[in-house]
Every structure is written in C-alpha cells, then in structure tokens.
Amino acid sequence: MSKTNRYKVFAKMTTYLYVYVDAANYEEAMSIASDIDGGEFIPLNQGIVESGDWEITDAHIEFNK
C-alpha cells in the first residue's frame, strides 16, 4: 500500500452582489459603488441560486502518515 499524507486544501469563493446607485454615467456609478459600505450590497438571487464561483488556491500538509 502506498504512503499518503493528509493535506488541508484551501479554496476561495466568490459571491456576486449588487447595489442600486443613482449616477450620471458608468464611471460615476462605479465610483459611487466603490465608496459604499459592503453591508449595503444585496446577494444576487439572495445567494440561493448560482451565487458565485470557487477555485482551489493552496494546500498545506497537516501531517505525515
């Protein structure tokens, strides 16, 4: 039987959110949104359906068996 090690594998998850802003153009809307507190953003589809994406980012060995 081959020897194995245990790893803790890290992933990050992206959740898509939105906020309504009143602005004259795209640039102003982006500027206003970047200055808003994150708590004002609303999860897209309330986070229920396909709210985001994820990717594996790193792995660290926990212990040798």
PDB file of N, CA and C in Angstrom:
ATOM      1  N   MET A   1       0.843  -1.175   0.000  1.00  0.00           N
ATOM      2  CA  MET A   1       0.000   0.000   0.000  1.00  0.00           C
ATOM      3  C   MET A   1       0.890   1.241   0.000  1.00  0.00           C
ATOM      4  N   SER A   2       0.507   2.238  -0.785  1.00  0.00           N
ATOM      5  CA  SER A   2       1.328   3.443  -0.889  1.00  0.00           C
ATOM      6  C   SER A   2       1.066   4.363   0.300  1.00  0.00           C
ATOM      7  N   LYS A   3       2.111   5.095   0.672  1.00  0.00           N
ATOM      8  CA  LYS A   3       2.020   6.038   1.784  1.00  0.00           C
ATOM      9  C   LYS A   3       1.308   7.309   1.317  1.00  0.00           C
ATOM     10  N   THR A   4       0.416   7.823   2.143  1.00  0.00           N
ATOM     11  CA  THR A   4      -0.267   9.072   1.831  1.00  0.00           C
ATOM     12  C   THR A   4      -0.070  10.062   2.963  1.00  0.00           C
ATOM     13  N   ASN A   5      -0.284  11.309   2.680  1.00  0.00           N
ATOM     14  CA  ASN A   5      -0.230  12.377   3.673  1.00  0.00           C
ATOM     15  C   ASN A   5      -1.579  13.074   3.691  1.00  0.00           C
ATOM     16  N   ARG A   6      -1.892  13.702   4.801  1.00  0.00           N
ATOM     17  CA  ARG A   6      -3.124  14.483   4.871  1.00  0.00           C
ATOM     18  C   ARG A   6      -2.804  15.946   4.601  1.00  0.00           C
ATOM     19  N   TYR A   7      -3.586  16.560   3.711  1.00  0.00           N
ATOM     20  CA  TYR A   7      -3.421  17.964   3.336  1.00  0.00           C
ATOM     21  C   TYR A   7      -4.690  18.742   3.668  1.00  0.00           C
ATOM     22  N   LYS A   8      -4.491  19.967   4.088  1.00  0.00           N
ATOM     23  CA  LYS A   8      -5.609  20.909   4.183  1.00  0.00           C
ATOM     24  C   LYS A   8      -5.558  21.727   2.910  1.00  0.00           C
ATOM     25  N   VAL A   9      -6.610  21.641   2.106  1.00  0.00           N
ATOM     26  CA  VAL A   9      -6.657  22.325   0.819  1.00  0.00           C
ATOM     27  C   VAL A   9      -7.586  23.527   0.946  1.00  0.00           C
ATOM     28  N   PHE A  10      -7.090  24.689   0.567  1.00  0.00           N
ATOM     29  CA  PHE A  10      -7.836  25.935   0.689  1.00  0.00           C
ATOM     30  C   PHE A  10      -8.500  26.292  -0.633  1.00  0.00           C
ATOM     31  N   ALA A  11      -9.665  26.903  -0.531  1.00  0.00           N
ATOM     32  CA  ALA A  11     -10.387  27.386  -1.708  1.00  0.00           C
ATOM     33  C   ALA A  11     -10.953  28.754  -1.374  1.00  0.00           C
ATOM     34  N   LYS A  12     -11.205  29.530  -2.397  1.00  0.00           N
ATOM     35  CA  LYS A  12     -11.888  30.802  -2.181  1.00  0.00           C
ATOM     36  C   LYS A  12     -13.170  30.790  -2.981  1.00  0.00           C
ATOM     37  N   MET A  13     -14.162  31.476  -2.445  1.00  0.00           N
ATOM     38  CA  MET A  13     -15.465  31.501  -3.075  1.00  0.00           C
ATOM     39  C   MET A  13     -15.854  32.942  -3.358  1.00  0.00           C
ATOM     40  N   THR A  14     -16.385  33.155  -4.540  1.00  0.00           N
ATOM     41  CA  THR A  14     -16.845  34.473  -4.937  1.00  0.00           C
ATOM     42  C   THR A  14     -18.361  34.485  -4.863  1.00  0.00           C
ATOM     43  N   THR A  15     -18.898  35.484  -4.213  1.00  0.00           N
ATOM     44  CA  THR A  15     -20.343  35.663  -4.176  1.00  0.00           C
ATOM     45  C   THR A  15     -20.666  36.957  -4.898  1.00  0.00           C
ATOM     46  N   TYR A  16     -21.611  36.907  -5.805  1.00  0.00           N
ATOM     47  CA  TYR A  16     -21.980  38.087  -6.570  1.00  0.00           C
ATOM     48  C   TYR A  16     -23.058  38.868  -5.831  1.00  0.00           C
ATOM     49  N   LEU A  17     -22.856  40.174  -5.751  1.00  0.00           N
ATOM     50  CA  LEU A  17     -23.753  41.076  -5.043  1.00  0.00           C
ATOM     51  C   LEU A  17     -24.091  42.238  -5.961  1.00  0.00           C
ATOM     52  N   TYR A  18     -25.111  43.001  -5.572  1.00  0.00           N
ATOM     53  CA  TYR A  18     -25.421  44.213  -6.328  1.00  0.00           C
ATOM     54  C   TYR A  18     -25.927  45.294  -5.382  1.00  0.00           C
ATOM     55  N   VAL A  19     -25.907  46.519  -5.865  1.00  0.00           N
ATOM     56  CA  VAL A  19     -26.450  47.670  -5.152  1.00  0.00           C
ATOM     57  C   VAL A  19     -26.964  48.648  -6.210  1.00  0.00           C
ATOM     58  N   TYR A  20     -28.031  49.351  -5.905  1.00  0.00           N
ATOM     59  CA  TYR A  20     -28.546  50.370  -6.817  1.00  0.00           C
ATOM     60  C   TYR A  20     -27.924  51.713  -6.461  1.00  0.00           C
ATOM     61  N   VAL A  21     -27.457  52.451  -7.460  1.00  0.00           N
ATOM     62  CA  VAL A  21     -26.942  53.804  -7.253  1.00  0.00           C
ATOM     63  C   VAL A  21     -27.522  54.709  -8.340  1.00  0.00           C
ATOM     64  N   ASP A  22     -27.692  55.971  -8.013  1.00  0.00           N
ATOM     65  CA  ASP A  22     -28.108  56.965  -8.991  1.00  0.00           C
ATOM     66  C   ASP A  22     -26.863  57.704  -9.457  1.00  0.00           C
ATOM     67  N   ALA A  23     -26.606  57.665 -10.756  1.00  0.00           N
ATOM     68  CA  ALA A  23     -25.390  58.274 -11.303  1.00  0.00           C
ATOM     69  C   ALA A  23     -25.650  58.758 -12.717  1.00  0.00           C
ATOM     70  N   ALA A  24     -24.832  59.698 -13.154  1.00  0.00           N
ATOM     71  CA  ALA A  24     -24.962  60.267 -14.495  1.00  0.00           C
ATOM     72  C   ALA A  24     -24.397  59.348 -15.571  1.00  0.00           C
ATOM     73  N   ASN A  25     -23.409  58.497 -15.207  1.00  0.00           N
ATOM     74  CA  ASN A  25     -22.781  57.631 -16.201  1.00  0.00           C
ATOM     75  C   ASN A  25     -22.114  56.441 -15.508  1.00  0.00           C
ATOM     76  N   TYR A  26     -21.581  55.558 -16.308  1.00  0.00           N
ATOM     77  CA  TYR A  26     -20.938  54.328 -15.823  1.00  0.00           C
ATOM     78  C   TYR A  26     -19.824  54.625 -14.818  1.00  0.00           C
ATOM     79  N   GLU A  27     -18.944  55.544 -15.183  1.00  0.00           N
ATOM     80  CA  GLU A  27     -17.796  55.866 -14.322  1.00  0.00           C
ATOM     81  C   GLU A  27     -18.248  56.373 -12.956  1.00  0.00           C
ATOM     82  N   GLU A  28     -19.258  57.233 -12.961  1.00  0.00           N
ATOM     83  CA  GLU A  28     -19.761  57.750 -11.693  1.00  0.00           C
ATOM     84  C   GLU A  28     -20.414  56.634 -10.869  1.00  0.00           C
ATOM     85  N   ALA A  29     -21.159  55.765 -11.531  1.00  0.00           N
ATOM     86  CA  ALA A  29     -21.785  54.637 -10.836  1.00  0.00           C
ATOM     87  C   ALA A  29     -20.731  53.745 -10.191  1.00  0.00           C
ATOM     88  N   MET A  30     -19.665  53.462 -10.911  1.00  0.00           N
ATOM     89  CA  MET A  30     -18.586  52.624 -10.366  1.00  0.00           C
ATOM     90  C   MET A  30     -17.900  53.316  -9.190  1.00  0.00           C
ATOM     91  N   SER A  31     -17.693  54.619  -9.303  1.00  0.00           N
ATOM     92  CA  SER A  31     -17.060  55.384  -8.233  1.00  0.00           C
ATOM     93  C   SER A  31     -17.933  55.403  -6.978  1.00  0.00           C
ATOM     94  N   ILE A  32     -19.210  55.650  -7.156  1.00  0.00           N
ATOM     95  CA  ILE A  32     -20.130  55.671  -6.014  1.00  0.00           C
ATOM     96  C   ILE A  32     -20.161  54.300  -5.343  1.00  0.00           C
ATOM     97  N   ALA A  33     -20.273  53.255  -6.139  1.00  0.00           N
ATOM     98  CA  ALA A  33     -20.348  51.897  -5.586  1.00  0.00           C
ATOM     99  C   ALA A  33     -19.073  51.521  -4.844  1.00  0.00           C
ATOM    100  N   SER A  34     -17.928  51.968  -5.324  1.00  0.00           N
ATOM    101  CA  SER A  34     -16.672  51.609  -4.647  1.00  0.00           C
ATOM    102  C   SER A  34     -16.543  52.301  -3.297  1.00  0.00           C
ATOM    103  N   ASP A  35     -17.292  53.383  -3.082  1.00  0.00           N
ATOM    104  CA  ASP A  35     -17.250  54.098  -1.799  1.00  0.00           C
ATOM    105  C   ASP A  35     -18.328  53.642  -0.818  1.00  0.00           C
ATOM    106  N   ILE A  36     -19.205  52.739  -1.256  1.00  0.00           N
ATOM    107  CA  ILE A  36     -20.306  52.278  -0.404  1.00  0.00           C
ATOM    108  C   ILE A  36     -19.812  51.195   0.546  1.00  0.00           C
ATOM    109  N   ASP A  37     -20.336  51.230   1.760  1.00  0.00           N
ATOM    110  CA  ASP A  37     -20.062  50.180   2.747  1.00  0.00           C
ATOM    111  C   ASP A  37     -20.572  48.848   2.193  1.00  0.00           C
ATOM    112  N   GLY A  38     -19.800  47.802   2.350  1.00  0.00           N
ATOM    113  CA  GLY A  38     -20.177  46.490   1.815  1.00  0.00           C
ATOM    114  C   GLY A  38     -21.496  45.962   2.328  1.00  0.00           C
ATOM    115  N   GLY A  39     -21.925  46.416   3.507  1.00  0.00           N
ATOM    116  CA  GLY A  39     -23.170  45.941   4.079  1.00  0.00           C
ATOM    117  C   GLY A  39     -24.401  46.373   3.310  1.00  0.00           C
ATOM    118  N   GLU A  40     -24.255  47.328   2.412  1.00  0.00           N
ATOM    119  CA  GLU A  40     -25.394  47.798   1.625  1.00  0.00           C
ATOM    120  C   GLU A  40     -25.645  46.944   0.384  1.00  0.00           C
ATOM    121  N   PHE A  41     -24.701  46.092   0.034  1.00  0.00           N
ATOM    122  CA  PHE A  41     -24.855  45.255  -1.147  1.00  0.00           C
ATOM    123  C   PHE A  41     -25.796  44.092  -0.854  1.00  0.00           C
ATOM    124  N   ILE A  42     -26.519  43.664  -1.869  1.00  0.00           N
ATOM    125  CA  ILE A  42     -27.516  42.603  -1.759  1.00  0.00           C
ATOM    126  C   ILE A  42     -27.003  41.381  -2.527  1.00  0.00           C
ATOM    127  N   PRO A  43     -27.039  40.192  -1.921  1.00  0.00           N
ATOM    128  CA  PRO A  43     -26.606  38.993  -2.647  1.00  0.00           C
ATOM    129  C   PRO A  43     -27.496  38.742  -3.862  1.00  0.00           C
ATOM    130  N   LEU A  44     -26.878  38.471  -5.001  1.00  0.00           N
ATOM    131  CA  LEU A  44     -27.608  38.164  -6.221  1.00  0.00           C
ATOM    132  C   LEU A  44     -28.430  36.910  -5.987  1.00  0.00           C
ATOM    133  N   ASN A  45     -29.690  36.950  -6.338  1.00  0.00           N
ATOM    134  CA  ASN A  45     -30.612  35.823  -6.119  1.00  0.00           C
ATOM    135  C   ASN A  45     -30.642  35.404  -4.657  1.00  0.00           C
ATOM    136  N   GLN A  46     -30.366  36.373  -3.771  1.00  0.00           N
ATOM    137  CA  GLN A  46     -30.342  36.134  -2.328  1.00  0.00           C
ATOM    138  C   GLN A  46     -29.380  34.995  -1.963  1.00  0.00           C
ATOM    139  N   GLY A  47     -28.375  34.756  -2.812  1.00  0.00           N
ATOM    140  CA  GLY A  47     -27.361  33.751  -2.530  1.00  0.00           C
ATOM    141  C   GLY A  47     -27.842  32.323  -2.678  1.00  0.00           C
ATOM    142  N   ILE A  48     -29.049  32.131  -3.222  1.00  0.00           N
ATOM    143  CA  ILE A  48     -29.638  30.790  -3.285  1.00  0.00           C
ATOM    144  C   ILE A  48     -29.204  30.037  -4.534  1.00  0.00           C
ATOM    145  N   VAL A  49     -29.264  30.688  -5.683  1.00  0.00           N
ATOM    146  CA  VAL A  49     -29.010  30.002  -6.947  1.00  0.00           C
ATOM    147  C   VAL A  49     -27.744  30.538  -7.590  1.00  0.00           C
ATOM    148  N   GLU A  50     -26.785  29.665  -7.798  1.00  0.00           N
ATOM    149  CA  GLU A  50     -25.563  30.020  -8.505  1.00  0.00           C
ATOM    150  C   GLU A  50     -25.046  31.399  -8.143  1.00  0.00           C
ATOM    151  N   SER A  51     -24.834  31.603  -6.838  1.00  0.00           N
ATOM    152  CA  SER A  51     -24.439  32.922  -6.373  1.00  0.00           C
ATOM    153  C   SER A  51     -23.002  33.260  -6.697  1.00  0.00           C
ATOM    154  N   GLY A  52     -22.191  32.278  -6.974  1.00  0.00           N
ATOM    155  CA  GLY A  52     -20.807  32.610  -7.237  1.00  0.00           C
ATOM    156  C   GLY A  52     -20.026  31.458  -7.805  1.00  0.00           C
ATOM    157  N   ASP A  53     -18.733  31.589  -7.686  1.00  0.00           N
ATOM    158  CA  ASP A  53     -17.819  30.611  -8.233  1.00  0.00           C
ATOM    159  C   ASP A  53     -16.780  30.314  -7.164  1.00  0.00           C
ATOM    160  N   TRP A  54     -16.019  29.262  -7.332  1.00  0.00           N
ATOM    161  CA  TRP A  54     -14.961  28.959  -6.373  1.00  0.00           C
ATOM    162  C   TRP A  54     -13.766  28.383  -7.108  1.00  0.00           C
ATOM    163  N   GLU A  55     -12.599  28.474  -6.441  1.00  0.00           N
ATOM    164  CA  GLU A  55     -11.379  27.902  -7.010  1.00  0.00           C
ATOM    165  C   GLU A  55     -10.458  27.442  -5.890  1.00  0.00           C
ATOM    166  N   ILE A  56      -9.728  26.396  -6.152  1.00  0.00           N
ATOM    167  CA  ILE A  56      -8.732  25.881  -5.214  1.00  0.00           C
ATOM    168  C   ILE A  56      -7.539  26.828  -5.249  1.00  0.00           C
ATOM    169  N   THR A  57      -7.041  27.234  -4.073  1.00  0.00           N
ATOM    170  CA  THR A  57      -5.965  28.216  -4.043  1.00  0.00           C
ATOM    171  C   THR A  57      -4.638  27.697  -3.503  1.00  0.00           C
ATOM    172  N   ASP A  58      -4.673  26.724  -2.581  1.00  0.00           N
ATOM    173  CA  ASP A  58      -3.417  26.301  -1.954  1.00  0.00           C
ATOM    174  C   ASP A  58      -3.648  25.016  -1.169  1.00  0.00           C
ATOM    175  N   ALA A  59      -2.571  24.342  -0.786  1.00  0.00           N
ATOM    176  CA  ALA A  59      -2.649  23.159   0.062  1.00  0.00           C
ATOM    177  C   ALA A  59      -1.462  23.155   1.009  1.00  0.00           C
ATOM    178  N   HIS A  60      -1.700  22.783   2.256  1.00  0.00           N
ATOM    179  CA  HIS A  60      -0.640  22.675   3.264  1.00  0.00           C
ATOM    180  C   HIS A  60      -0.716  21.291   3.882  1.00  0.00           C
ATOM    181  N   ILE A  61       0.429  20.691   4.069  1.00  0.00           N
ATOM    182  CA  ILE A  61       0.440  19.364   4.679  1.00  0.00           C
ATOM    183  C   ILE A  61       0.057  19.496   6.152  1.00  0.00           C
ATOM    184  N   GLU A  62      -0.839  18.650   6.611  1.00  0.00           N
ATOM    185  CA  GLU A  62      -1.266  18.647   8.006  1.00  0.00           C
ATOM    186  C   GLU A  62      -0.378  17.718   8.821  1.00  0.00           C
ATOM    187  N   PHE A  63      -0.211  16.496   8.339  1.00  0.00           N
ATOM    188  CA  PHE A  63       0.696  15.570   8.987  1.00  0.00           C
ATOM    189  C   PHE A  63       1.035  14.423   8.049  1.00  0.00           C
ATOM    190  N   ASN A  64       2.178  13.807   8.319  1.00  0.00           N
ATOM    191  CA  ASN A  64       2.609  12.628   7.563  1.00  0.00           C
ATOM    192  C   ASN A  64       2.017  11.398   8.208  1.00  0.00           C
ATOM    193  N   LYS A  65       1.530  10.487   7.412  1.00  0.00           N
ATOM    194  CA  LYS A  65       1.006   9.234   7.957  1.00  0.00           C
ATOM    195  C   LYS A  65       2.122   8.220   7.998  1.00  0.00           C
TER     196      LYS A  65
END
